Amino acid sequence: MLYLSDAHALVMNTSTSFHLKKATITDATVLADIGAATFYNTFRPHNSEEDMQLYINKTYLPAIVAQHLTNPNIHYYLCLENQQPVGYIKLIHNNTFDGLSGRTIELEKIYVLHHYFGTNAGKLLMEQAITHSKTYDFNTLFLGVWKENERAVKFYEKNAFRVFAHRTFQLGQRLCEDYMMRLDL
């Protein structure tokens, strides 16, 4: 069973039992577990098991996530339903990408467990990403998304993100193309 700290809830949506909280170091294992599960379920059909395990084992270790949680420029928010984790966002202050100017922040991850697709979890996380970005006076919120992940691309477009560039992402033997999308705040 996953353990969550008793940090303060930041946002409460009264129409569902979802709420958000700022993640702390005690949530590192939960974040790593959600990240690994979500990444695996999304990308395993397109990649070898070996490539998936290599990536997950270098990216979603609790120790790596804990290290990120101690960085003052990295912020995580967990989405919970009845105290059970269902997703999270990871924001990186002052990250940038070619073609962006001003104060920029990256939404590096927005992950929702697959059985929570179609609920308000993703919407609530996106609202928090935008609120956080505006609170810290950033001009642009940007992200990268695999161009073949049509569900995610449509979700971002629905939230007013627009493609401004492309990049490549190496996952084991596979070279993937990402859309870089931005939201001007």
Protein backbone atom coordinates (compact mmCIF):
# COMPACT_ATOMS: atom_id res chain seq x y z
CA MET A 1 0.00 0.00 0.00
CA LEU A 2 1.22 3.50 -0.79
CA TYR A 3 1.79 5.89 2.09
CA LEU A 4 1.06 9.59 1.85
CA SER A 5 2.11 12.30 4.24
CA ASP A 6 -0.46 14.49 5.96
CA ALA A 7 0.58 17.68 4.14
CA HIS A 8 -2.04 20.38 3.68
CA ALA A 9 -4.61 19.99 0.93
CA LEU A 10 -4.25 22.89 -1.51
CA VAL A 11 -7.34 22.57 -3.66
CA MET A 12 -10.64 20.87 -2.92
CA ASN A 13 -13.14 20.10 -5.65
CA THR A 14 -16.51 19.70 -3.96
CA SER A 15 -18.10 17.88 -6.92
CA THR A 16 -15.73 14.93 -6.51
CA SER A 17 -13.58 13.48 -3.79
CA PHE A 18 -10.39 14.62 -5.57
CA HIS A 19 -8.07 17.04 -3.87
CA LEU A 20 -4.51 18.23 -4.39
CA LYS A 21 -1.62 18.62 -2.04
CA LYS A 22 1.92 19.84 -2.45
CA ALA A 23 4.14 16.79 -2.35
CA THR A 24 6.89 16.48 0.23
CA ILE A 25 9.92 14.25 0.62
CA THR A 26 7.75 11.61 2.31
CA ASP A 27 5.83 11.25 -0.98
CA ALA A 28 8.86 10.23 -3.06
CA THR A 29 7.90 6.55 -3.28
CA VAL A 30 4.29 7.39 -4.19
CA LEU A 31 5.44 9.75 -6.94
CA ALA A 32 7.93 7.19 -8.26
CA ASP A 33 5.27 4.45 -8.28
CA ILE A 34 2.71 6.60 -10.12
CA GLY A 35 5.35 7.81 -12.58
CA ALA A 36 6.56 4.29 -13.37
CA ALA A 37 3.05 2.85 -13.72
CA THR A 38 1.77 5.68 -15.89
CA PHE A 39 4.84 5.78 -18.12
CA TYR A 40 4.77 2.00 -18.55
CA ASN A 41 1.06 1.83 -19.40
CA THR A 42 1.35 4.69 -21.89
CA PHE A 43 4.53 3.70 -23.72
CA ARG A 44 4.93 -0.09 -23.35
CA PRO A 45 2.77 -0.88 -26.41
CA HIS A 46 5.29 1.07 -28.53
CA ASN A 47 8.60 -0.02 -26.97
CA SER A 48 10.43 -3.17 -25.92
CA GLU A 49 10.18 -4.43 -22.37
CA GLU A 50 13.95 -4.04 -21.98
CA ASP A 51 13.93 -0.39 -23.07
CA MET A 52 10.98 0.35 -20.78
CA GLN A 53 12.61 -1.21 -17.73
CA LEU A 54 15.92 0.55 -18.34
CA TYR A 55 14.18 3.93 -18.57
CA ILE A 56 11.91 3.35 -15.57
CA ASN A 57 14.80 2.12 -13.43
CA LYS A 58 16.84 5.25 -14.09
CA THR A 59 13.98 7.78 -13.95
CA TYR A 60 11.44 6.61 -11.38
CA LEU A 61 13.52 5.52 -8.43
CA PRO A 62 12.30 6.95 -5.11
CA ALA A 63 15.83 8.27 -4.40
CA ILE A 64 15.84 10.26 -7.66
CA VAL A 65 12.37 11.68 -6.99
CA ALA A 66 13.43 12.52 -3.41
CA GLN A 67 16.41 14.42 -4.79
CA HIS A 68 14.07 16.42 -7.05
CA LEU A 69 11.81 17.17 -4.07
CA THR A 70 14.71 18.86 -2.28
CA ASN A 71 15.38 21.18 -5.24
CA PRO A 72 13.69 24.56 -4.62
CA ASN A 73 13.05 24.97 -8.37
CA ILE A 74 11.07 21.73 -8.68
CA HIS A 75 7.51 21.45 -7.38
CA TYR A 76 5.23 18.41 -7.30
CA TYR A 77 1.51 18.32 -6.56
CA LEU A 78 -0.31 15.06 -5.88
CA CYS A 79 -3.93 14.42 -6.82
CA LEU A 80 -5.71 12.19 -4.32
CA GLU A 81 -9.10 10.54 -4.22
CA ASN A 82 -10.12 9.51 -0.71
CA GLN A 83 -6.45 9.77 0.30
CA GLN A 84 -5.39 7.41 -2.51
CA PRO A 85 -2.94 8.82 -5.08
CA VAL A 86 -4.28 9.04 -8.63
CA GLY A 87 -1.81 11.37 -10.34
CA TYR A 88 0.64 14.24 -10.08
CA ILE A 89 2.31 17.16 -11.80
CA LYS A 90 5.96 18.15 -11.78
CA LEU A 91 6.83 21.78 -12.48
CA ILE A 92 10.36 23.11 -13.06
CA HIS A 93 10.88 26.82 -12.44
CA ASN A 94 12.99 28.80 -14.94
CA ASN A 95 13.41 25.92 -17.37
CA THR A 96 13.49 27.04 -20.97
CA PHE A 97 13.49 25.84 -24.56
CA ASP A 98 14.63 27.43 -27.82
CA GLY A 99 12.03 29.89 -29.05
CA LEU A 100 10.80 30.89 -25.60
CA SER A 101 11.56 34.15 -23.87
CA GLY A 102 10.60 35.82 -20.63
CA ARG A 103 10.01 33.89 -17.43
CA THR A 104 9.28 30.27 -18.34
CA ILE A 105 8.23 27.22 -16.35
CA GLU A 106 8.07 23.64 -17.59
CA LEU A 107 5.25 21.24 -16.85
CA GLU A 108 7.59 18.29 -17.11
CA LYS A 109 5.06 15.69 -16.00
CA ILE A 110 1.32 15.48 -15.69
CA TYR A 111 0.47 11.87 -14.92
CA VAL A 112 -2.89 10.33 -14.10
CA LEU A 113 -3.32 6.61 -13.55
CA HIS A 114 -5.17 5.11 -16.52
CA HIS A 115 -8.27 4.03 -14.62
CA TYR A 116 -8.79 7.71 -13.71
CA PHE A 117 -8.85 8.91 -17.32
CA GLY A 118 -12.07 10.76 -18.00
CA THR A 119 -12.40 12.00 -14.42
CA ASN A 120 -11.61 15.50 -13.18
CA ALA A 121 -8.12 14.45 -12.00
CA GLY A 122 -6.26 15.71 -15.10
CA LYS A 123 -8.27 18.92 -15.21
CA LEU A 124 -7.60 19.61 -11.54
CA LEU A 125 -3.86 19.00 -12.01
CA MET A 126 -3.74 21.28 -15.05
CA GLU A 127 -5.57 24.02 -13.15
CA GLN A 128 -2.98 23.72 -10.38
CA ALA A 129 -0.11 23.94 -12.88
CA ILE A 130 -1.56 27.15 -14.30
CA THR A 131 -2.34 28.62 -10.87
CA HIS A 132 1.16 27.81 -9.61
CA SER A 133 2.73 29.37 -12.73
CA LYS A 134 0.73 32.56 -12.36
CA THR A 135 1.39 32.75 -8.61
CA TYR A 136 5.14 32.72 -9.29
CA ASP A 137 4.77 35.32 -12.10
CA PHE A 138 5.86 33.14 -15.01
CA ASN A 139 4.99 34.35 -18.54
CA THR A 140 4.88 30.96 -20.24
CA LEU A 141 4.07 27.42 -19.18
CA PHE A 142 5.45 24.85 -21.61
CA LEU A 143 5.68 21.08 -21.99
CA GLY A 144 6.82 18.33 -24.31
CA VAL A 145 4.47 15.54 -25.44
CA TRP A 146 5.01 12.59 -27.74
CA LYS A 147 3.23 13.58 -30.93
CA GLU A 148 1.63 10.11 -31.25
CA ASN A 149 -0.02 10.44 -27.82
CA GLU A 150 -3.18 11.86 -29.36
CA ARG A 151 -5.19 11.79 -26.14
CA ALA A 152 -2.61 13.95 -24.35
CA VAL A 153 -2.17 16.32 -27.30
CA LYS A 154 -5.95 16.90 -27.44
CA PHE A 155 -6.06 17.48 -23.67
CA TYR A 156 -3.33 20.14 -23.93
CA GLU A 157 -4.99 21.80 -26.91
CA LYS A 158 -8.27 21.88 -24.98
CA ASN A 159 -6.34 23.77 -22.27
CA ALA A 160 -5.12 26.35 -24.84
CA PHE A 161 -1.58 24.99 -25.33
CA ARG A 162 -0.18 25.42 -28.84
CA VAL A 163 2.70 23.69 -30.62
CA PHE A 164 5.70 25.98 -31.05
CA ALA A 165 8.55 23.53 -31.78
CA HIS A 166 9.60 19.88 -31.99
CA ARG A 167 12.27 17.82 -30.24
CA THR A 168 13.45 14.23 -30.30
CA PHE A 169 13.37 11.91 -27.31
CA GLN A 170 15.42 8.72 -27.14
CA LEU A 171 13.77 5.79 -25.38
CA GLY A 172 16.18 2.89 -25.66
CA GLN A 173 16.44 1.98 -29.33
CA ARG A 174 13.49 4.14 -30.36
CA LEU A 175 13.78 7.78 -31.38
CA CYS A 176 10.50 9.60 -30.72
CA GLU A 177 9.36 13.02 -31.85
CA ASP A 178 7.75 15.32 -29.30
CA TYR A 179 5.66 18.41 -29.81
CA MET A 180 6.75 21.31 -27.66
CA MET A 181 3.62 23.13 -26.54
CA ARG A 182 3.20 26.45 -24.77
CA LEU A 183 0.57 28.38 -22.89
CA ASP A 184 1.08 32.12 -22.56
CA LEU A 185 -0.10 33.21 -19.13
